[in-house]
């Protein structure tokens, strides 16, 4: 599959790379890292990264603005996006060929070529493995910086269980390149004052159910009062993850037309629960969408049941 992907890259003059909406460091790191890797090794090709802009992550990658005509005869690659509904920029189907590169369970197969590896910590790790597969490829400092950011982001700075020996091997390869790791990690950690103050509110007001499940409901009014966007609020999902005894937690983030659900876990498998509400993701980190607070109540009760069953089985 990796050879087929390299052959496709070599055969197209225009390559457009997408990722998921509301991107995190792995989405932007894998997208930008792959784009940089291609540009460095195929300098005559046109390579673009597209999707909505995220001000807080512009230090990683800035998106390109391209006309739809650019998709004509182009290769399109979608990184880090399990479900087609979550691809940022719906024009991803308008190219000549489509490739999916992802590390989530492959519940929504799409594309002419698919490289899906749920054992990988991140798609950024997968891009490093792609580079390693072909000795003729070179890796620049900027590509390494982006891919390192993606791995660090999706492994929780190498603290999550998805960190494997292969993850450390890939990270070791990347840090051999010349980029300022400390500055990068500081940028990933930085938080504007209004969001830091809102984090204080979250820590004071989150609810703990049965000593095992945490929940926080970010209503539109609450977000507006603190001048926090729904996306910024979602960044605080792990604010109280260090709480003793907690098994799982959920953020309900209200938007004008829906309520975004962010699920995290220290043991109970939550992606199947997310799937019941049109979502999905990793066993310990998933998302979904509901449309009223009554469904939030139902989902919370089911999450508590999962945590209770997990605790009883220990």
C-alpha atoms as a PDB file:
ATOM      1  CA  UNK A   1       0.000   0.000   0.000  1.00  0.00           C
ATOM      2  CA  UNK A   2       2.817   2.444   0.811  1.00  0.00           C
ATOM      3  CA  UNK A   3       4.368   1.804  -2.606  1.00  0.00           C
ATOM      4  CA  UNK A   4       1.007   2.463  -4.266  1.00  0.00           C
ATOM      5  CA  UNK A   5       0.705   5.737  -2.371  1.00  0.00           C
ATOM      6  CA  UNK A   6       4.223   6.818  -3.350  1.00  0.00           C
ATOM      7  CA  UNK A   7       3.522   5.898  -6.978  1.00  0.00           C
ATOM      8  CA  UNK A   8       0.337   7.988  -6.891  1.00  0.00           C
ATOM      9  CA  UNK A   9       2.217  10.955  -5.444  1.00  0.00           C
ATOM     10  CA  UNK A  10       4.884  10.603  -8.111  1.00  0.00           C
ATOM     11  CA  UNK A  11       2.352  10.463 -10.939  1.00  0.00           C
ATOM     12  CA  UNK A  12       0.273  13.579 -10.137  1.00  0.00           C
ATOM     13  CA  UNK A  13       1.410  17.157 -10.644  1.00  0.00           C
ATOM     14  CA  UNK A  14      -1.186  18.641  -8.270  1.00  0.00           C
ATOM     15  CA  UNK A  15      -1.746  17.200  -4.780  1.00  0.00           C
ATOM     16  CA  UNK A  16      -4.308  18.571  -2.326  1.00  0.00           C
ATOM     17  CA  UNK A  17      -4.244  17.398   1.286  1.00  0.00           C
ATOM     18  CA  UNK A  18      -7.267  17.579   3.613  1.00  0.00           C
ATOM     19  CA  UNK A  19      -7.875  16.624   7.267  1.00  0.00           C
ATOM     20  CA  UNK A  20     -10.755  16.703   9.723  1.00  0.00           C
ATOM     21  CA  UNK A  21     -12.778  19.688  10.900  1.00  0.00           C
ATOM     22  CA  UNK A  22     -11.793  21.347  14.182  1.00  0.00           C
ATOM     23  CA  UNK A  23      -8.216  20.108  13.731  1.00  0.00           C
ATOM     24  CA  UNK A  24      -5.866  19.102  16.521  1.00  0.00           C
ATOM     25  CA  UNK A  25      -2.049  18.947  16.330  1.00  0.00           C
ATOM     26  CA  UNK A  26      -2.073  15.504  14.698  1.00  0.00           C
ATOM     27  CA  UNK A  27      -4.511  16.584  11.992  1.00  0.00           C
ATOM     28  CA  UNK A  28      -2.388  19.626  11.151  1.00  0.00           C
ATOM     29  CA  UNK A  29       0.920  17.881  11.816  1.00  0.00           C
ATOM     30  CA  UNK A  30       0.190  14.950   9.516  1.00  0.00           C
ATOM     31  CA  UNK A  31      -1.374  17.160   6.852  1.00  0.00           C
ATOM     32  CA  UNK A  32       1.410  19.724   6.886  1.00  0.00           C
ATOM     33  CA  UNK A  33       4.141  17.155   7.487  1.00  0.00           C
ATOM     34  CA  UNK A  34       3.083  15.097   4.490  1.00  0.00           C
ATOM     35  CA  UNK A  35       2.751  18.204   2.334  1.00  0.00           C
ATOM     36  CA  UNK A  36       6.252  19.345   3.321  1.00  0.00           C
ATOM     37  CA  UNK A  37       7.680  15.870   2.739  1.00  0.00           C
ATOM     38  CA  UNK A  38       6.205  15.843  -0.769  1.00  0.00           C
ATOM     39  CA  UNK A  39       7.375  19.383  -1.577  1.00  0.00           C
ATOM     40  CA  UNK A  40      10.896  18.619  -0.369  1.00  0.00           C
ATOM     41  CA  UNK A  41      11.200  15.487  -2.494  1.00  0.00           C
ATOM     42  CA  UNK A  42       9.120  16.551  -5.509  1.00  0.00           C
ATOM     43  CA  UNK A  43       9.829  20.298  -5.814  1.00  0.00           C
ATOM     44  CA  UNK A  44       8.137  20.603  -9.211  1.00  0.00           C
ATOM     45  CA  UNK A  45       4.730  19.542  -7.892  1.00  0.00           C
ATOM     46  CA  UNK A  46       1.953  21.826  -6.684  1.00  0.00           C
ATOM     47  CA  UNK A  47       1.027  20.776  -3.139  1.00  0.00           C
ATOM     48  CA  UNK A  48      -1.745  22.453  -1.142  1.00  0.00           C
ATOM     49  CA  UNK A  49      -3.186  22.071   2.367  1.00  0.00           C
ATOM     50  CA  UNK A  50      -6.837  23.036   2.812  1.00  0.00           C
ATOM     51  CA  UNK A  51      -9.455  23.315   5.536  1.00  0.00           C
ATOM     52  CA  UNK A  52     -10.719  25.900   7.982  1.00  0.00           C
ATOM     53  CA  UNK A  53      -8.116  28.041   9.673  1.00  0.00           C
ATOM     54  CA  UNK A  54      -7.472  27.728  13.414  1.00  0.00           C
ATOM     55  CA  UNK A  55      -5.860  30.834  14.868  1.00  0.00           C
ATOM     56  CA  UNK A  56      -4.444  29.080  17.929  1.00  0.00           C
ATOM     57  CA  UNK A  57      -2.600  26.525  15.764  1.00  0.00           C
ATOM     58  CA  UNK A  58      -1.333  28.762  12.964  1.00  0.00           C
ATOM     59  CA  UNK A  59       2.172  28.316  14.374  1.00  0.00           C
ATOM     60  CA  UNK A  60       1.976  24.780  12.978  1.00  0.00           C
ATOM     61  CA  UNK A  61       0.468  25.288   9.553  1.00  0.00           C
ATOM     62  CA  UNK A  62      -1.388  27.942   7.564  1.00  0.00           C
ATOM     63  CA  UNK A  63      -3.979  26.769   5.077  1.00  0.00           C
ATOM     64  CA  UNK A  64      -3.940  27.480   1.339  1.00  0.00           C
ATOM     65  CA  UNK A  65      -6.835  29.109  -0.472  1.00  0.00           C
ATOM     66  CA  UNK A  66      -7.421  27.438  -3.846  1.00  0.00           C
ATOM     67  CA  UNK A  67     -10.083  27.486  -6.537  1.00  0.00           C
ATOM     68  CA  UNK A  68     -12.189  24.430  -7.216  1.00  0.00           C
ATOM     69  CA  UNK A  69     -10.606  24.227 -10.654  1.00  0.00           C
ATOM     70  CA  UNK A  70      -7.388  23.072  -8.975  1.00  0.00           C
ATOM     71  CA  UNK A  71      -9.056  19.745  -8.165  1.00  0.00           C
ATOM     72  CA  UNK A  72      -9.379  18.873 -11.833  1.00  0.00           C
ATOM     73  CA  UNK A  73      -6.915  16.047 -12.463  1.00  0.00           C
ATOM     74  CA  UNK A  74      -5.499  16.293  -8.931  1.00  0.00           C
ATOM     75  CA  UNK A  75      -4.587  13.706  -6.320  1.00  0.00           C
ATOM     76  CA  UNK A  76      -6.459  14.284  -3.047  1.00  0.00           C
ATOM     77  CA  UNK A  77      -5.218  12.852   0.257  1.00  0.00           C
ATOM     78  CA  UNK A  78      -7.274  12.971   3.463  1.00  0.00           C
ATOM     79  CA  UNK A  79      -5.327  12.599   6.721  1.00  0.00           C
ATOM     80  CA  UNK A  80      -6.574  11.677  10.193  1.00  0.00           C
ATOM     81  CA  UNK A  81     -10.270  11.559   9.292  1.00  0.00           C
ATOM     82  CA  UNK A  82     -12.245   8.395  10.025  1.00  0.00           C
ATOM     83  CA  UNK A  83     -15.614   9.548   8.686  1.00  0.00           C
ATOM     84  CA  UNK A  84     -16.309  11.404   5.464  1.00  0.00           C
ATOM     85  CA  UNK A  85     -18.721  13.704   7.290  1.00  0.00           C
ATOM     86  CA  UNK A  86     -15.759  15.093   9.272  1.00  0.00           C
ATOM     87  CA  UNK A  87     -13.536  15.978   6.301  1.00  0.00           C
ATOM     88  CA  UNK A  88     -12.832  19.694   6.312  1.00  0.00           C
ATOM     89  CA  UNK A  89     -13.714  21.233   2.924  1.00  0.00           C
ATOM     90  CA  UNK A  90     -16.281  19.171   1.043  1.00  0.00           C
ATOM     91  CA  UNK A  91     -14.377  19.480  -2.255  1.00  0.00           C
ATOM     92  CA  UNK A  92     -12.246  16.460  -1.303  1.00  0.00           C
ATOM     93  CA  UNK A  93     -14.297  14.271  -3.691  1.00  0.00           C
ATOM     94  CA  UNK A  94     -13.612  16.470  -6.733  1.00  0.00           C
ATOM     95  CA  UNK A  95     -10.121  15.236  -7.530  1.00  0.00           C
ATOM     96  CA  UNK A  96      -9.043  12.517  -9.923  1.00  0.00           C
ATOM     97  CA  UNK A  97      -7.918  10.105  -7.181  1.00  0.00           C
ATOM     98  CA  UNK A  98      -8.593   9.945  -3.429  1.00  0.00           C
ATOM     99  CA  UNK A  99      -6.373   8.421  -0.709  1.00  0.00           C
ATOM    100  CA  UNK A 100      -7.367   7.917   2.929  1.00  0.00           C
ATOM    101  CA  UNK A 101      -4.583   7.821   5.549  1.00  0.00           C
ATOM    102  CA  UNK A 102      -5.930   7.292   9.056  1.00  0.00           C
ATOM    103  CA  UNK A 103      -5.368   5.595  12.411  1.00  0.00           C
ATOM    104  CA  UNK A 104      -8.972   5.364  13.621  1.00  0.00           C
ATOM    105  CA  UNK A 105     -11.024   2.154  13.284  1.00  0.00           C
ATOM    106  CA  UNK A 106     -12.018   1.920   9.606  1.00  0.00           C
ATOM    107  CA  UNK A 107     -15.777   2.114  10.074  1.00  0.00           C
ATOM    108  CA  UNK A 108     -16.287   4.377   7.057  1.00  0.00           C
ATOM    109  CA  UNK A 109     -14.084   3.065   4.229  1.00  0.00           C
ATOM    110  CA  UNK A 110     -13.589   5.608   1.453  1.00  0.00           C
ATOM    111  CA  UNK A 111     -11.063   6.474  -1.212  1.00  0.00           C
ATOM    112  CA  UNK A 112      -9.389   4.709  -4.116  1.00  0.00           C
ATOM    113  CA  UNK A 113      -6.555   3.753  -1.771  1.00  0.00           C
ATOM    114  CA  UNK A 114      -6.829   3.336   1.998  1.00  0.00           C
ATOM    115  CA  UNK A 115      -3.999   3.067   4.484  1.00  0.00           C
ATOM    116  CA  UNK A 116      -5.566   2.639   7.915  1.00  0.00           C
ATOM    117  CA  UNK A 117      -3.512   1.545  10.926  1.00  0.00           C
ATOM    118  CA  UNK A 118      -5.349   1.725  14.286  1.00  0.00           C
ATOM    119  CA  UNK A 119      -2.205   0.463  16.034  1.00  0.00           C
ATOM    120  CA  UNK A 120      -0.417   3.735  15.233  1.00  0.00           C
ATOM    121  CA  UNK A 121      -0.453   6.449  17.870  1.00  0.00           C
ATOM    122  CA  UNK A 122      -1.188   9.082  15.255  1.00  0.00           C
ATOM    123  CA  UNK A 123      -1.268   9.700  11.538  1.00  0.00           C
ATOM    124  CA  UNK A 124       1.900  11.722  12.044  1.00  0.00           C
ATOM    125  CA  UNK A 125       3.578   8.506  13.191  1.00  0.00           C
ATOM    126  CA  UNK A 126       2.267   6.811  10.044  1.00  0.00           C
ATOM    127  CA  UNK A 127       3.800   9.533   7.857  1.00  0.00           C
ATOM    128  CA  UNK A 128       7.158   8.949   9.558  1.00  0.00           C
ATOM    129  CA  UNK A 129       6.834   5.232   8.770  1.00  0.00           C
ATOM    130  CA  UNK A 130       6.018   6.153   5.173  1.00  0.00           C
ATOM    131  CA  UNK A 131       9.225   8.193   5.012  1.00  0.00           C
ATOM    132  CA  UNK A 132      11.238   5.335   6.543  1.00  0.00           C
ATOM    133  CA  UNK A 133       9.942   2.886   3.951  1.00  0.00           C
ATOM    134  CA  UNK A 134      11.695   4.667   1.076  1.00  0.00           C
ATOM    135  CA  UNK A 135      15.454   5.392   1.443  1.00  0.00           C
ATOM    136  CA  UNK A 136      15.330   7.801  -1.486  1.00  0.00           C
ATOM    137  CA  UNK A 137      13.188  10.269   0.469  1.00  0.00           C
ATOM    138  CA  UNK A 138      14.688  13.086   2.520  1.00  0.00           C
ATOM    139  CA  UNK A 139      13.214  14.598   5.675  1.00  0.00           C
ATOM    140  CA  UNK A 140      13.562  18.328   6.297  1.00  0.00           C
ATOM    141  CA  UNK A 141      13.625  20.110   9.645  1.00  0.00           C
ATOM    142  CA  UNK A 142      10.175  21.604   9.005  1.00  0.00           C
ATOM    143  CA  UNK A 143       8.598  18.245   8.122  1.00  0.00           C
ATOM    144  CA  UNK A 144      10.121  16.727  11.270  1.00  0.00           C
ATOM    145  CA  UNK A 145       8.805  19.603  13.398  1.00  0.00           C
ATOM    146  CA  UNK A 146       5.250  19.161  12.142  1.00  0.00           C
ATOM    147  CA  UNK A 147       5.247  15.385  12.514  1.00  0.00           C
ATOM    148  CA  UNK A 148       6.737  15.608  16.004  1.00  0.00           C
ATOM    149  CA  UNK A 149       3.976  18.026  17.013  1.00  0.00           C
ATOM    150  CA  UNK A 150       1.366  15.579  15.742  1.00  0.00           C
ATOM    151  CA  UNK A 151       2.833  12.648  17.660  1.00  0.00           C
ATOM    152  CA  UNK A 152       3.211  14.687  20.846  1.00  0.00           C
ATOM    153  CA  UNK A 153      -0.375  15.895  20.534  1.00  0.00           C
ATOM    154  CA  UNK A 154      -2.057  12.537  20.035  1.00  0.00           C
ATOM    155  CA  UNK A 155       0.020  10.711  22.661  1.00  0.00           C
ATOM    156  CA  UNK A 156      -0.493  13.347  25.343  1.00  0.00           C
ATOM    157  CA  UNK A 157       3.265  14.005  25.324  1.00  0.00           C
ATOM    158  CA  UNK A 158       3.925  10.242  25.292  1.00  0.00           C
ATOM    159  CA  UNK A 159       1.774   9.602  28.381  1.00  0.00           C
ATOM    160  CA  UNK A 160      -1.178   7.808  26.750  1.00  0.00           C
ATOM    161  CA  UNK A 161      -1.340   4.033  26.257  1.00  0.00           C
ATOM    162  CA  UNK A 162      -1.261   4.485  22.476  1.00  0.00           C
ATOM    163  CA  UNK A 163       2.451   5.287  22.840  1.00  0.00           C
ATOM    164  CA  UNK A 164       4.357   2.202  21.651  1.00  0.00           C
ATOM    165  CA  UNK A 165       8.023   1.351  21.072  1.00  0.00           C
ATOM    166  CA  UNK A 166       7.410   2.245  17.422  1.00  0.00           C
ATOM    167  CA  UNK A 167       6.170   5.673  18.525  1.00  0.00           C
ATOM    168  CA  UNK A 168       9.395   6.335  20.421  1.00  0.00           C
ATOM    169  CA  UNK A 169      11.434   5.111  17.445  1.00  0.00           C
ATOM    170  CA  UNK A 170       9.659   7.558  15.160  1.00  0.00           C
ATOM    171  CA  UNK A 171      10.081  10.401  17.656  1.00  0.00           C
ATOM    172  CA  UNK A 172      13.776   9.542  18.021  1.00  0.00           C
ATOM    173  CA  UNK A 173      14.210   9.812  14.270  1.00  0.00           C
ATOM    174  CA  UNK A 174      12.442  13.180  14.182  1.00  0.00           C
ATOM    175  CA  UNK A 175      14.471  14.812  16.962  1.00  0.00           C
ATOM    176  CA  UNK A 176      17.634  14.107  15.013  1.00  0.00           C
ATOM    177  CA  UNK A 177      16.521  16.957  12.765  1.00  0.00           C
ATOM    178  CA  UNK A 178      17.210  20.559  13.751  1.00  0.00           C
ATOM    179  CA  UNK A 179      14.133  22.242  15.196  1.00  0.00           C
ATOM    180  CA  UNK A 180      13.456  23.854  18.569  1.00  0.00           C
ATOM    181  CA  UNK A 181      11.552  21.216  20.530  1.00  0.00           C
ATOM    182  CA  UNK A 182      11.233  23.342  23.633  1.00  0.00           C
ATOM    183  CA  UNK A 183       9.757  26.274  21.721  1.00  0.00           C
ATOM    184  CA  UNK A 184       7.341  23.920  19.950  1.00  0.00           C
ATOM    185  CA  UNK A 185       6.144  22.347  23.212  1.00  0.00           C
ATOM    186  CA  UNK A 186       5.749  25.776  24.789  1.00  0.00           C
ATOM    187  CA  UNK A 187       3.559  26.838  21.872  1.00  0.00           C
ATOM    188  CA  UNK A 188       1.470  23.673  22.211  1.00  0.00           C
ATOM    189  CA  UNK A 189       1.012  24.395  25.940  1.00  0.00           C
ATOM    190  CA  UNK A 190       0.281  28.101  25.711  1.00  0.00           C
ATOM    191  CA  UNK A 191      -3.232  29.293  26.456  1.00  0.00           C
ATOM    192  CA  UNK A 192      -4.687  32.825  26.120  1.00  0.00           C
ATOM    193  CA  UNK A 193      -5.743  34.520  29.336  1.00  0.00           C
ATOM    194  CA  UNK A 194      -9.496  34.272  28.724  1.00  0.00           C
ATOM    195  CA  UNK A 195      -9.246  30.525  28.161  1.00  0.00           C
ATOM    196  CA  UNK A 196      -7.024  29.988  31.201  1.00  0.00           C
ATOM    197  CA  UNK A 197      -9.557  31.814  33.359  1.00  0.00           C
ATOM    198  CA  UNK A 198     -12.325  29.700  31.854  1.00  0.00           C
ATOM    199  CA  UNK A 199     -10.325  26.593  32.746  1.00  0.00           C
ATOM    200  CA  UNK A 200     -10.545  27.770  36.331  1.00  0.00           C
ATOM    201  CA  UNK A 201     -14.320  27.897  35.992  1.00  0.00           C
ATOM    202  CA  UNK A 202     -14.366  24.369  34.587  1.00  0.00           C
ATOM    203  CA  UNK A 203     -12.246  23.042  37.447  1.00  0.00           C
ATOM    204  CA  UNK A 204     -14.572  24.643  39.980  1.00  0.00           C
ATOM    205  CA  UNK A 205     -17.875  23.623  38.398  1.00  0.00           C
ATOM    206  CA  UNK A 206     -17.480  20.213  36.742  1.00  0.00           C
ATOM    207  CA  UNK A 207     -19.746  17.485  38.124  1.00  0.00           C
ATOM    208  CA  UNK A 208     -18.484  14.129  39.370  1.00  0.00           C
ATOM    209  CA  UNK A 209     -20.994  11.261  39.159  1.00  0.00           C
ATOM    210  CA  UNK A 210     -20.568   8.283  41.494  1.00  0.00           C
ATOM    211  CA  UNK A 211     -16.959   9.285  42.016  1.00  0.00           C
ATOM    212  CA  UNK A 212     -16.062   7.859  38.594  1.00  0.00           C
ATOM    213  CA  UNK A 213     -17.454   9.965  35.744  1.00  0.00           C
ATOM    214  CA  UNK A 214     -16.883  13.672  35.223  1.00  0.00           C
ATOM    215  CA  UNK A 215     -19.079  15.888  33.106  1.00  0.00           C
ATOM    216  CA  UNK A 216     -19.032  19.523  32.050  1.00  0.00           C
ATOM    217  CA  UNK A 217     -21.770  21.269  30.077  1.00  0.00           C
ATOM    218  CA  UNK A 218     -20.572  24.259  28.104  1.00  0.00           C
ATOM    219  CA  UNK A 219     -23.726  26.131  27.117  1.00  0.00           C
ATOM    220  CA  UNK A 220     -23.726  28.869  24.499  1.00  0.00           C
ATOM    221  CA  UNK A 221     -24.414  31.451  27.222  1.00  0.00           C
ATOM    222  CA  UNK A 222     -21.527  30.248  29.384  1.00  0.00           C
ATOM    223  CA  UNK A 223     -19.125  30.298  26.436  1.00  0.00           C
ATOM    224  CA  UNK A 224     -20.307  33.773  25.437  1.00  0.00           C
ATOM    225  CA  UNK A 225     -19.898  35.090  28.989  1.00  0.00           C
ATOM    226  CA  UNK A 226     -16.245  34.042  28.964  1.00  0.00           C
ATOM    227  CA  UNK A 227     -15.734  34.957  25.290  1.00  0.00           C
ATOM    228  CA  UNK A 228     -14.706  31.362  24.580  1.00  0.00           C
ATOM    229  CA  UNK A 229     -15.473  29.655  21.259  1.00  0.00           C
ATOM    230  CA  UNK A 230     -16.874  26.097  21.211  1.00  0.00           C
ATOM    231  CA  UNK A 231     -13.591  24.899  19.765  1.00  0.00           C
ATOM    232  CA  UNK A 232     -11.577  26.600  22.511  1.00  0.00           C
ATOM    233  CA  UNK A 233     -13.871  25.105  25.132  1.00  0.00           C
ATOM    234  CA  UNK A 234     -13.310  21.635  23.709  1.00  0.00           C
ATOM    235  CA  UNK A 235      -9.563  22.065  24.254  1.00  0.00           C
ATOM    236  CA  UNK A 236     -10.177  21.862  28.003  1.00  0.00           C
ATOM    237  CA  UNK A 237     -11.468  18.277  27.808  1.00  0.00           C
ATOM    238  CA  UNK A 238      -8.648  16.942  29.997  1.00  0.00           C
ATOM    239  CA  UNK A 239      -8.796  19.719  32.607  1.00  0.00           C
ATOM    240  CA  UNK A 240      -9.792  17.384  35.447  1.00  0.00           C
ATOM    241  CA  UNK A 241      -8.419  14.105  34.075  1.00  0.00           C
ATOM    242  CA  UNK A 242      -5.949  13.851  36.972  1.00  0.00           C
ATOM    243  CA  UNK A 243      -8.778  13.491  39.492  1.00  0.00           C
ATOM    244  CA  UNK A 244      -8.300  10.482  41.755  1.00  0.00           C
ATOM    245  CA  UNK A 245     -10.708   7.650  40.948  1.00  0.00           C
ATOM    246  CA  UNK A 246     -12.050   9.096  37.688  1.00  0.00           C
ATOM    247  CA  UNK A 247     -12.661   6.472  34.984  1.00  0.00           C
ATOM    248  CA  UNK A 248     -14.249   8.525  32.200  1.00  0.00           C
ATOM    249  CA  UNK A 249     -15.388  12.061  31.489  1.00  0.00           C
ATOM    250  CA  UNK A 250     -17.439  13.979  28.955  1.00  0.00           C
ATOM    251  CA  UNK A 251     -17.762  17.545  27.702  1.00  0.00           C
ATOM    252  CA  UNK A 252     -21.049  18.663  26.160  1.00  0.00           C
ATOM    253  CA  UNK A 253     -20.314  21.734  24.036  1.00  0.00           C
ATOM    254  CA  UNK A 254     -23.404  23.591  22.826  1.00  0.00           C
ATOM    255  CA  UNK A 255     -23.341  25.165  19.371  1.00  0.00           C
ATOM    256  CA  UNK A 256     -26.218  26.981  17.630  1.00  0.00           C
ATOM    257  CA  UNK A 257     -27.503  23.880  15.859  1.00  0.00           C
ATOM    258  CA  UNK A 258     -26.102  20.950  17.851  1.00  0.00           C
ATOM    259  CA  UNK A 259     -24.313  19.795  20.988  1.00  0.00           C
ATOM    260  CA  UNK A 260     -20.840  18.377  20.453  1.00  0.00           C
ATOM    261  CA  UNK A 261     -19.906  15.471  22.702  1.00  0.00           C
ATOM    262  CA  UNK A 262     -16.286  14.897  23.724  1.00  0.00           C
ATOM    263  CA  UNK A 263     -15.633  11.571  25.472  1.00  0.00           C
ATOM    264  CA  UNK A 264     -12.448  10.500  27.227  1.00  0.00           C
ATOM    265  CA  UNK A 265     -11.613   7.428  29.295  1.00  0.00           C
ATOM    266  CA  UNK A 266      -9.012   5.737  31.467  1.00  0.00           C
ATOM    267  CA  UNK A 267     -10.389   2.261  30.805  1.00  0.00           C
ATOM    268  CA  UNK A 268     -14.028   1.977  29.715  1.00  0.00           C
ATOM    269  CA  UNK A 269     -14.333   1.701  25.928  1.00  0.00           C
ATOM    270  CA  UNK A 270     -16.220   4.791  24.767  1.00  0.00           C
ATOM    271  CA  UNK A 271     -16.110   4.672  20.961  1.00  0.00           C
ATOM    272  CA  UNK A 272     -19.026   2.232  20.776  1.00  0.00           C
ATOM    273  CA  UNK A 273     -21.075   4.573  22.933  1.00  0.00           C
ATOM    274  CA  UNK A 274     -20.145   7.445  20.625  1.00  0.00           C
ATOM    275  CA  UNK A 275     -21.240   5.295  17.683  1.00  0.00           C
ATOM    276  CA  UNK A 276     -24.771   5.117  19.110  1.00  0.00           C
ATOM    277  CA  UNK A 277     -24.953   8.888  18.658  1.00  0.00           C
ATOM    278  CA  UNK A 278     -23.528   9.074  15.148  1.00  0.00           C
ATOM    279  CA  UNK A 279     -19.920   9.481  16.254  1.00  0.00           C
ATOM    280  CA  UNK A 280     -16.873   7.347  16.822  1.00  0.00           C
ATOM    281  CA  UNK A 281     -13.151   7.482  17.355  1.00  0.00           C
ATOM    282  CA  UNK A 282     -10.639   5.687  19.523  1.00  0.00           C
ATOM    283  CA  UNK A 283     -11.554   3.310  22.360  1.00  0.00           C
ATOM    284  CA  UNK A 284     -10.435   5.878  24.945  1.00  0.00           C
ATOM    285  CA  UNK A 285     -11.102   9.128  23.053  1.00  0.00           C
ATOM    286  CA  UNK A 286     -14.198   9.668  20.926  1.00  0.00           C
ATOM    287  CA  UNK A 287     -16.741  12.230  19.846  1.00  0.00           C
ATOM    288  CA  UNK A 288     -20.383  12.398  18.855  1.00  0.00           C
ATOM    289  CA  UNK A 289     -23.212  14.849  18.228  1.00  0.00           C
ATOM    290  CA  UNK A 290     -26.605  15.214  19.919  1.00  0.00           C
ATOM    291  CA  UNK A 291     -29.322  17.803  19.466  1.00  0.00           C
ATOM    292  CA  UNK A 292     -30.920  18.260  22.869  1.00  0.00           C
ATOM    293  CA  UNK A 293     -30.005  18.101  26.543  1.00  0.00           C
ATOM    294  CA  UNK A 294     -32.259  15.087  27.105  1.00  0.00           C
ATOM    295  CA  UNK A 295     -29.929  13.034  24.895  1.00  0.00           C
ATOM    296  CA  UNK A 296     -27.012  14.380  26.899  1.00  0.00           C
ATOM    297  CA  UNK A 297     -28.665  12.990  30.026  1.00  0.00           C
ATOM    298  CA  UNK A 298     -29.110   9.596  28.345  1.00  0.00           C
ATOM    299  CA  UNK A 299     -25.530   9.507  27.094  1.00  0.00           C
ATOM    300  CA  UNK A 300     -24.196  10.459  30.525  1.00  0.00           C
ATOM    301  CA  UNK A 301     -26.205   7.680  32.171  1.00  0.00           C
ATOM    302  CA  UNK A 302     -24.814   5.177  29.669  1.00  0.00           C
ATOM    303  CA  UNK A 303     -21.278   6.431  30.313  1.00  0.00           C
ATOM    304  CA  UNK A 304     -21.802   5.944  34.043  1.00  0.00           C
ATOM    305  CA  UNK A 305     -23.008   2.383  33.349  1.00  0.00           C
ATOM    306  CA  UNK A 306     -19.847   1.704  31.319  1.00  0.00           C
ATOM    307  CA  UNK A 307     -17.660   3.038  34.107  1.00  0.00           C
ATOM    308  CA  UNK A 308     -19.527   0.989  36.706  1.00  0.00           C
ATOM    309  CA  UNK A 309     -19.137  -2.197  34.655  1.00  0.00           C
ATOM    310  CA  UNK A 310     -15.454  -1.475  34.135  1.00  0.00           C
ATOM    311  CA  UNK A 311     -14.891  -0.917  37.837  1.00  0.00           C
ATOM    312  CA  UNK A 312     -16.794  -4.096  38.774  1.00  0.00           C
ATOM    313  CA  UNK A 313     -14.695  -6.132  36.336  1.00  0.00           C
ATOM    314  CA  UNK A 314     -11.411  -4.960  37.832  1.00  0.00           C
END
